[in-house]
Amino acid sequence: MNITFNTAALLFPAISLIMLAYTNRFLALAALVRSLHAKYLEHNKSGILHGQIKNLRYRLKLIKQMQAMGVLSFVTCIVCMYCIYIEHIFLVELTFALSLLFFAMSLIISLIEIQVSNKALELELSDMEPTDDDSSLVDYIKRKFDKKKKGLR
């Protein structure tokens, strides 16, 4: 395999964009934490707030890990570029592989964070409408379609 500057350089925009997305997630989460803090001070006995706080702590840890993996991917990509410059083929291949591995790990952690984020939204909605956790997406769509049909009659 022949890894050139162009090959390694392909990772730079991808890593930059994903880091921007992670930063935006972090900023949104920080705003949510501040808002939740104000709610907590007003109503500190709510079980939903305690669940949300636990969820947010976990999400913050995940985002920190996502960002760390993204930064490691970026750094190993830079080292790869330097190894290409000094023509050290073994290190080029090793650092490029590490960069891809860190990038993949970052994306996997991101997927986990998205799942946890959805659980947080379900927790928030739990006090407004009873949930039907056992139903499938198809059942949910059928119920919504049936409601619309009944409304048209």
N, C-alpha and C. Protein backbone atom coordinates (compact mmCIF):
# COMPACT_ATOMS: atom_id res chain seq x y z
N MET A 1 0.85 -1.17 0.00
CA MET A 1 0.00 0.00 0.00
C MET A 1 0.89 1.23 0.00
N ASN A 2 0.55 2.18 -0.82
CA ASN A 2 1.33 3.40 -0.92
C ASN A 2 0.49 4.57 -0.39
N ILE A 3 0.85 5.06 0.80
CA ILE A 3 0.13 6.17 1.42
C ILE A 3 0.90 7.45 1.11
N THR A 4 0.21 8.40 0.47
CA THR A 4 0.84 9.66 0.09
C THR A 4 0.29 10.79 0.94
N PHE A 5 0.81 11.98 0.72
CA PHE A 5 0.30 13.16 1.42
C PHE A 5 -1.20 13.31 1.16
N ASN A 6 -1.60 13.06 -0.08
CA ASN A 6 -3.02 13.21 -0.43
C ASN A 6 -3.90 12.24 0.34
N THR A 7 -3.42 11.02 0.52
CA THR A 7 -4.19 10.02 1.26
C THR A 7 -4.41 10.46 2.70
N ALA A 8 -3.33 10.84 3.35
CA ALA A 8 -3.43 11.28 4.74
C ALA A 8 -4.22 12.58 4.86
N ALA A 9 -4.06 13.46 3.89
CA ALA A 9 -4.74 14.75 3.92
C ALA A 9 -6.26 14.61 3.80
N LEU A 10 -6.72 13.49 3.27
CA LEU A 10 -8.17 13.26 3.16
C LEU A 10 -8.85 13.23 4.53
N LEU A 11 -8.10 12.85 5.56
CA LEU A 11 -8.69 12.77 6.89
C LEU A 11 -8.89 14.14 7.53
N PHE A 12 -8.11 15.13 7.16
CA PHE A 12 -8.18 16.44 7.82
C PHE A 12 -9.57 17.07 7.78
N PRO A 13 -10.21 17.19 6.62
CA PRO A 13 -11.55 17.81 6.64
C PRO A 13 -12.58 16.96 7.37
N ALA A 14 -12.47 15.64 7.27
CA ALA A 14 -13.43 14.77 7.96
C ALA A 14 -13.30 14.93 9.47
N ILE A 15 -12.07 14.92 9.95
CA ILE A 15 -11.85 15.05 11.39
C ILE A 15 -12.28 16.44 11.86
N SER A 16 -11.96 17.46 11.08
CA SER A 16 -12.34 18.83 11.45
C SER A 16 -13.85 18.98 11.56
N LEU A 17 -14.57 18.43 10.60
CA LEU A 17 -16.03 18.53 10.63
C LEU A 17 -16.63 17.77 11.80
N ILE A 18 -16.10 16.60 12.08
CA ILE A 18 -16.66 15.83 13.19
C ILE A 18 -16.35 16.51 14.52
N MET A 19 -15.18 17.13 14.63
CA MET A 19 -14.84 17.85 15.86
C MET A 19 -15.77 19.06 16.04
N LEU A 20 -16.11 19.72 14.95
CA LEU A 20 -17.05 20.84 15.01
C LEU A 20 -18.42 20.35 15.48
N ALA A 21 -18.85 19.22 14.97
CA ALA A 21 -20.13 18.65 15.39
C ALA A 21 -20.10 18.29 16.88
N TYR A 22 -18.99 17.73 17.33
CA TYR A 22 -18.86 17.38 18.75
C TYR A 22 -18.87 18.62 19.63
N THR A 23 -18.23 19.67 19.17
CA THR A 23 -18.22 20.92 19.94
C THR A 23 -19.63 21.49 20.03
N ASN A 24 -20.36 21.45 18.93
CA ASN A 24 -21.75 21.93 18.95
C ASN A 24 -22.61 21.11 19.90
N ARG A 25 -22.40 19.80 19.92
CA ARG A 25 -23.12 18.95 20.86
C ARG A 25 -22.80 19.34 22.29
N PHE A 26 -21.52 19.57 22.54
CA PHE A 26 -21.10 19.94 23.88
C PHE A 26 -21.73 21.26 24.31
N LEU A 27 -21.73 22.24 23.41
CA LEU A 27 -22.32 23.54 23.74
C LEU A 27 -23.82 23.43 24.03
N ALA A 28 -24.50 22.63 23.23
CA ALA A 28 -25.94 22.42 23.46
C ALA A 28 -26.16 21.72 24.80
N LEU A 29 -25.33 20.76 25.10
CA LEU A 29 -25.45 20.06 26.37
C LEU A 29 -25.14 20.97 27.55
N ALA A 30 -24.16 21.85 27.39
CA ALA A 30 -23.82 22.80 28.45
C ALA A 30 -24.99 23.73 28.73
N ALA A 31 -25.66 24.19 27.68
CA ALA A 31 -26.84 25.05 27.86
C ALA A 31 -27.95 24.28 28.57
N LEU A 32 -28.11 23.01 28.21
CA LEU A 32 -29.13 22.19 28.85
C LEU A 32 -28.81 21.98 30.33
N VAL A 33 -27.55 21.78 30.66
CA VAL A 33 -27.15 21.60 32.05
C VAL A 33 -27.46 22.87 32.84
N ARG A 34 -27.17 24.02 32.27
CA ARG A 34 -27.47 25.28 32.97
C ARG A 34 -28.97 25.45 33.20
N SER A 35 -29.74 25.11 32.19
CA SER A 35 -31.20 25.20 32.31
C SER A 35 -31.72 24.21 33.35
N LEU A 36 -31.19 23.01 33.33
CA LEU A 36 -31.60 22.00 34.27
C LEU A 36 -31.20 22.38 35.70
N HIS A 37 -30.08 23.04 35.83
CA HIS A 37 -29.63 23.49 37.14
C HIS A 37 -30.63 24.48 37.73
N ALA A 38 -31.11 25.39 36.90
CA ALA A 38 -32.11 26.35 37.37
C ALA A 38 -33.40 25.64 37.79
N LYS A 39 -33.83 24.66 37.00
CA LYS A 39 -35.02 23.89 37.35
C LYS A 39 -34.81 23.13 38.66
N TYR A 40 -33.63 22.58 38.82
CA TYR A 40 -33.34 21.80 40.02
C TYR A 40 -33.41 22.68 41.27
N LEU A 41 -32.90 23.89 41.15
CA LEU A 41 -32.95 24.78 42.30
C LEU A 41 -34.38 25.13 42.68
N GLU A 42 -35.27 25.18 41.68
CA GLU A 42 -36.67 25.48 41.94
C GLU A 42 -37.43 24.28 42.49
N HIS A 43 -37.21 23.10 41.91
CA HIS A 43 -37.98 21.89 42.26
C HIS A 43 -37.02 20.74 42.51
N ASN A 44 -36.32 20.75 43.60
CA ASN A 44 -35.27 19.76 43.80
C ASN A 44 -35.76 18.38 44.21
N LYS A 45 -37.04 18.13 44.22
CA LYS A 45 -37.52 16.81 44.62
C LYS A 45 -38.03 16.00 43.44
N SER A 46 -37.87 16.47 42.25
CA SER A 46 -38.41 15.78 41.09
C SER A 46 -37.51 14.60 40.69
N GLY A 47 -38.11 13.42 40.56
CA GLY A 47 -37.37 12.23 40.14
C GLY A 47 -36.88 12.34 38.71
N ILE A 48 -37.64 13.02 37.88
CA ILE A 48 -37.24 13.18 36.48
C ILE A 48 -35.96 14.01 36.41
N LEU A 49 -35.87 15.05 37.24
CA LEU A 49 -34.65 15.87 37.23
C LEU A 49 -33.44 15.05 37.64
N HIS A 50 -33.60 14.19 38.63
CA HIS A 50 -32.48 13.35 39.05
C HIS A 50 -32.06 12.40 37.93
N GLY A 51 -33.03 11.85 37.23
CA GLY A 51 -32.72 10.99 36.09
C GLY A 51 -32.02 11.75 34.98
N GLN A 52 -32.48 12.97 34.73
CA GLN A 52 -31.86 13.80 33.70
C GLN A 52 -30.42 14.15 34.07
N ILE A 53 -30.19 14.45 35.33
CA ILE A 53 -28.84 14.82 35.78
C ILE A 53 -27.90 13.63 35.61
N LYS A 54 -28.35 12.45 35.98
CA LYS A 54 -27.52 11.25 35.81
C LYS A 54 -27.21 11.03 34.33
N ASN A 55 -28.23 11.18 33.50
CA ASN A 55 -28.06 11.01 32.06
C ASN A 55 -27.08 12.05 31.49
N LEU A 56 -27.20 13.29 31.93
CA LEU A 56 -26.32 14.34 31.43
C LEU A 56 -24.87 14.11 31.84
N ARG A 57 -24.66 13.63 33.05
CA ARG A 57 -23.29 13.33 33.48
C ARG A 57 -22.66 12.28 32.57
N TYR A 58 -23.42 11.25 32.26
CA TYR A 58 -22.92 10.18 31.38
C TYR A 58 -22.65 10.72 29.98
N ARG A 59 -23.56 11.54 29.48
CA ARG A 59 -23.36 12.12 28.14
C ARG A 59 -22.14 13.02 28.08
N LEU A 60 -21.91 13.77 29.16
CA LEU A 60 -20.72 14.62 29.20
C LEU A 60 -19.45 13.78 29.13
N LYS A 61 -19.44 12.66 29.82
CA LYS A 61 -18.28 11.75 29.77
C LYS A 61 -18.09 11.21 28.35
N LEU A 62 -19.20 10.83 27.72
CA LEU A 62 -19.11 10.32 26.36
C LEU A 62 -18.58 11.38 25.40
N ILE A 63 -19.07 12.61 25.54
CA ILE A 63 -18.61 13.68 24.64
C ILE A 63 -17.13 13.95 24.86
N LYS A 64 -16.70 13.90 26.11
CA LYS A 64 -15.27 14.09 26.38
C LYS A 64 -14.44 13.00 25.70
N GLN A 65 -14.91 11.76 25.76
CA GLN A 65 -14.21 10.66 25.11
C GLN A 65 -14.24 10.80 23.58
N MET A 66 -15.38 11.23 23.05
CA MET A 66 -15.49 11.44 21.60
C MET A 66 -14.48 12.47 21.15
N GLN A 67 -14.41 13.58 21.89
CA GLN A 67 -13.48 14.65 21.53
C GLN A 67 -12.04 14.18 21.66
N ALA A 68 -11.74 13.42 22.70
CA ALA A 68 -10.37 12.92 22.89
C ALA A 68 -9.97 12.01 21.73
N MET A 69 -10.86 11.12 21.32
CA MET A 69 -10.56 10.24 20.19
C MET A 69 -10.39 11.04 18.90
N GLY A 70 -11.20 12.08 18.73
CA GLY A 70 -11.06 12.94 17.55
C GLY A 70 -9.73 13.66 17.53
N VAL A 71 -9.32 14.17 18.69
CA VAL A 71 -8.03 14.86 18.77
C VAL A 71 -6.89 13.88 18.53
N LEU A 72 -6.96 12.68 19.11
CA LEU A 72 -5.92 11.68 18.86
C LEU A 72 -5.86 11.30 17.38
N SER A 73 -7.01 11.23 16.75
CA SER A 73 -7.04 10.95 15.31
C SER A 73 -6.33 12.06 14.54
N PHE A 74 -6.61 13.29 14.92
CA PHE A 74 -5.98 14.44 14.27
C PHE A 74 -4.46 14.42 14.46
N VAL A 75 -4.02 14.19 15.71
CA VAL A 75 -2.59 14.20 16.00
C VAL A 75 -1.87 13.07 15.27
N THR A 76 -2.45 11.86 15.27
CA THR A 76 -1.79 10.77 14.57
C THR A 76 -1.78 11.01 13.06
N CYS A 77 -2.77 11.70 12.55
CA CYS A 77 -2.77 12.05 11.13
C CYS A 77 -1.64 13.04 10.82
N ILE A 78 -1.42 13.99 11.72
CA ILE A 78 -0.31 14.94 11.55
C ILE A 78 1.03 14.22 11.61
N VAL A 79 1.16 13.30 12.56
CA VAL A 79 2.39 12.51 12.67
C VAL A 79 2.59 11.68 11.41
N CYS A 80 1.50 11.14 10.87
CA CYS A 80 1.56 10.39 9.61
C CYS A 80 2.11 11.27 8.49
N MET A 81 1.63 12.50 8.41
CA MET A 81 2.11 13.43 7.37
C MET A 81 3.62 13.67 7.54
N TYR A 82 4.06 13.82 8.77
CA TYR A 82 5.48 14.03 9.02
C TYR A 82 6.28 12.79 8.62
N CYS A 83 5.76 11.61 8.94
CA CYS A 83 6.45 10.37 8.57
C CYS A 83 6.53 10.20 7.06
N ILE A 84 5.51 10.67 6.35
CA ILE A 84 5.57 10.66 4.88
C ILE A 84 6.71 11.56 4.43
N TYR A 85 6.82 12.72 5.07
CA TYR A 85 7.86 13.69 4.72
C TYR A 85 9.26 13.11 4.93
N ILE A 86 9.45 12.39 6.05
CA ILE A 86 10.78 11.81 6.30
C ILE A 86 10.94 10.44 5.65
N GLU A 87 9.91 9.98 4.96
CA GLU A 87 9.91 8.73 4.20
C GLU A 87 10.17 7.49 5.06
N HIS A 88 9.50 7.43 6.20
CA HIS A 88 9.57 6.27 7.09
C HIS A 88 8.29 5.46 6.91
N ILE A 89 8.32 4.52 5.97
CA ILE A 89 7.12 3.81 5.51
C ILE A 89 6.40 3.07 6.64
N PHE A 90 7.14 2.38 7.50
CA PHE A 90 6.49 1.64 8.58
C PHE A 90 5.69 2.58 9.48
N LEU A 91 6.28 3.71 9.87
CA LEU A 91 5.57 4.66 10.73
C LEU A 91 4.41 5.32 10.00
N VAL A 92 4.55 5.52 8.70
CA VAL A 92 3.44 6.07 7.90
C VAL A 92 2.24 5.15 8.01
N GLU A 93 2.46 3.88 7.75
CA GLU A 93 1.35 2.93 7.78
C GLU A 93 0.77 2.78 9.18
N LEU A 94 1.64 2.74 10.19
CA LEU A 94 1.19 2.60 11.57
C LEU A 94 0.36 3.81 12.01
N THR A 95 0.87 5.01 11.78
CA THR A 95 0.15 6.21 12.24
C THR A 95 -1.13 6.44 11.45
N PHE A 96 -1.13 6.10 10.17
CA PHE A 96 -2.36 6.24 9.39
C PHE A 96 -3.42 5.27 9.92
N ALA A 97 -3.01 4.04 10.19
CA ALA A 97 -3.95 3.05 10.74
C ALA A 97 -4.47 3.51 12.10
N LEU A 98 -3.59 4.05 12.94
CA LEU A 98 -4.02 4.54 14.24
C LEU A 98 -5.00 5.71 14.10
N SER A 99 -4.73 6.58 13.16
CA SER A 99 -5.62 7.71 12.94
C SER A 99 -7.02 7.23 12.54
N LEU A 100 -7.07 6.25 11.65
CA LEU A 100 -8.37 5.70 11.25
C LEU A 100 -9.05 5.00 12.42
N LEU A 101 -8.28 4.29 13.22
CA LEU A 101 -8.84 3.59 14.37
C LEU A 101 -9.42 4.58 15.39
N PHE A 102 -8.68 5.64 15.71
CA PHE A 102 -9.18 6.65 16.64
C PHE A 102 -10.43 7.33 16.09
N PHE A 103 -10.43 7.58 14.79
CA PHE A 103 -11.60 8.21 14.16
C PHE A 103 -12.82 7.29 14.27
N ALA A 104 -12.62 6.01 14.01
CA ALA A 104 -13.73 5.04 14.11
C ALA A 104 -14.23 4.94 15.55
N MET A 105 -13.32 4.92 16.51
CA MET A 105 -13.71 4.86 17.92
C MET A 105 -14.52 6.09 18.30
N SER A 106 -14.12 7.24 17.80
CA SER A 106 -14.84 8.47 18.06
C SER A 106 -16.27 8.38 17.53
N LEU A 107 -16.42 7.85 16.35
CA LEU A 107 -17.75 7.72 15.76
C LEU A 107 -18.62 6.71 16.51
N ILE A 108 -18.02 5.64 16.98
CA ILE A 108 -18.77 4.63 17.75
C ILE A 108 -19.26 5.23 19.07
N ILE A 109 -18.37 5.97 19.74
CA ILE A 109 -18.78 6.63 20.99
C ILE A 109 -19.88 7.64 20.70
N SER A 110 -19.79 8.31 19.56
CA SER A 110 -20.83 9.26 19.16
C SER A 110 -22.18 8.56 18.99
N LEU A 111 -22.16 7.38 18.41
CA LEU A 111 -23.39 6.61 18.25
C LEU A 111 -23.99 6.25 19.61
N ILE A 112 -23.15 5.87 20.54
CA ILE A 112 -23.62 5.56 21.90
C ILE A 112 -24.23 6.80 22.53
N GLU A 113 -23.58 7.95 22.36
CA GLU A 113 -24.08 9.20 22.94
C GLU A 113 -25.44 9.56 22.35
N ILE A 114 -25.63 9.32 21.08
CA ILE A 114 -26.92 9.59 20.44
C ILE A 114 -28.00 8.72 21.07
N GLN A 115 -27.69 7.45 21.33
CA GLN A 115 -28.66 6.56 21.96
C GLN A 115 -29.02 7.04 23.36
N VAL A 116 -28.01 7.46 24.12
CA VAL A 116 -28.25 7.96 25.48
C VAL A 116 -29.06 9.26 25.43
N SER A 117 -28.79 10.08 24.43
CA SER A 117 -29.52 11.32 24.25
C SER A 117 -31.01 11.05 24.01
N ASN A 118 -31.29 10.04 23.22
CA ASN A 118 -32.69 9.67 22.98
C ASN A 118 -33.37 9.20 24.25
N LYS A 119 -32.64 8.48 25.10
CA LYS A 119 -33.21 8.06 26.38
C LYS A 119 -33.54 9.26 27.25
N ALA A 120 -32.71 10.31 27.17
CA ALA A 120 -32.96 11.52 27.94
C ALA A 120 -34.25 12.18 27.48
N LEU A 121 -34.47 12.21 26.18
CA LEU A 121 -35.70 12.79 25.66
C LEU A 121 -36.92 11.96 26.07
N GLU A 122 -36.77 10.65 26.06
CA GLU A 122 -37.87 9.79 26.50
C GLU A 122 -38.19 10.04 27.97
N LEU A 123 -37.16 10.24 28.78
CA LEU A 123 -37.36 10.53 30.19
C LEU A 123 -38.10 11.85 30.37
N GLU A 124 -37.74 12.83 29.57
CA GLU A 124 -38.39 14.14 29.63
C GLU A 124 -39.86 14.03 29.25
N LEU A 125 -40.15 13.20 28.26
CA LEU A 125 -41.53 13.04 27.80
C LEU A 125 -42.36 12.11 28.68
N SER A 126 -41.71 11.35 29.53
CA SER A 126 -42.42 10.32 30.30
C SER A 126 -43.50 10.88 31.22
N ASP A 127 -43.33 12.10 31.69
CA ASP A 127 -44.36 12.64 32.58
C ASP A 127 -45.50 13.33 31.83
N MET A 128 -45.38 13.43 30.53
CA MET A 128 -46.44 14.08 29.76
C MET A 128 -47.36 13.08 29.07
N GLU A 129 -46.83 11.92 28.71
CA GLU A 129 -47.63 10.94 27.98
C GLU A 129 -47.14 9.55 28.37
N PRO A 130 -48.05 8.61 28.61
CA PRO A 130 -47.59 7.25 28.94
C PRO A 130 -46.86 6.64 27.74
N THR A 131 -45.79 5.94 28.05
CA THR A 131 -45.01 5.32 26.99
C THR A 131 -45.48 3.90 26.76
N ASP A 132 -45.21 3.42 25.57
CA ASP A 132 -45.52 2.05 25.19
C ASP A 132 -44.22 1.45 24.68
N ASP A 133 -43.32 1.09 25.62
CA ASP A 133 -41.98 0.65 25.26
C ASP A 133 -41.95 -0.65 24.48
N ASP A 134 -43.00 -1.47 24.61
CA ASP A 134 -42.97 -2.77 23.97
C ASP A 134 -43.40 -2.71 22.51
N SER A 135 -43.97 -1.61 22.08
CA SER A 135 -44.47 -1.56 20.72
C SER A 135 -43.34 -1.25 19.74
N SER A 136 -43.53 -1.73 18.53
CA SER A 136 -42.55 -1.50 17.49
C SER A 136 -42.86 -0.20 16.75
N LEU A 137 -41.97 0.20 15.91
CA LEU A 137 -42.18 1.40 15.10
C LEU A 137 -43.40 1.23 14.21
N VAL A 138 -43.58 0.03 13.68
CA VAL A 138 -44.73 -0.24 12.82
C VAL A 138 -46.03 -0.06 13.60
N ASP A 139 -46.07 -0.58 14.84
CA ASP A 139 -47.27 -0.41 15.68
C ASP A 139 -47.54 1.07 15.95
N TYR A 140 -46.50 1.82 16.23
CA TYR A 140 -46.63 3.25 16.49
C TYR A 140 -47.22 3.97 15.28
N ILE A 141 -46.72 3.67 14.10
CA ILE A 141 -47.21 4.30 12.87
C ILE A 141 -48.67 3.91 12.62
N LYS A 142 -48.99 2.64 12.86
CA LYS A 142 -50.38 2.19 12.68
C LYS A 142 -51.32 2.95 13.60
N ARG A 143 -50.91 3.12 14.88
CA ARG A 143 -51.75 3.86 15.83
C ARG A 143 -51.95 5.30 15.38
N LYS A 144 -50.90 5.93 14.91
CA LYS A 144 -51.01 7.32 14.45
C LYS A 144 -51.90 7.41 13.22
N PHE A 145 -51.76 6.43 12.31
CA PHE A 145 -52.58 6.41 11.11
C PHE A 145 -54.05 6.19 11.47
N ASP A 146 -54.30 5.28 12.42
CA ASP A 146 -55.67 5.02 12.86
C ASP A 146 -56.29 6.26 13.49
N LYS A 147 -55.52 7.00 14.26
CA LYS A 147 -56.03 8.23 14.89
C LYS A 147 -56.42 9.25 13.82
N LYS A 148 -55.60 9.36 12.79
CA LYS A 148 -55.91 10.31 11.70
C LYS A 148 -57.17 9.88 10.95
N LYS A 149 -57.33 8.56 10.72
CA LYS A 149 -58.51 8.07 10.03
C LYS A 149 -59.77 8.35 10.83
N LYS A 150 -59.69 8.15 12.15
CA LYS A 150 -60.84 8.42 13.01
C LYS A 150 -61.17 9.90 13.01
N GLY A 151 -60.17 10.75 12.92
CA GLY A 151 -60.39 12.19 12.90
C GLY A 151 -61.04 12.67 11.62
N LEU A 152 -60.85 11.94 10.53
CA LEU A 152 -61.44 12.30 9.24
C LEU A 152 -62.90 11.87 9.13
N ARG A 153 -63.32 10.94 9.92
CA ARG A 153 -64.70 10.42 9.84
C ARG A 153 -65.67 11.31 10.53
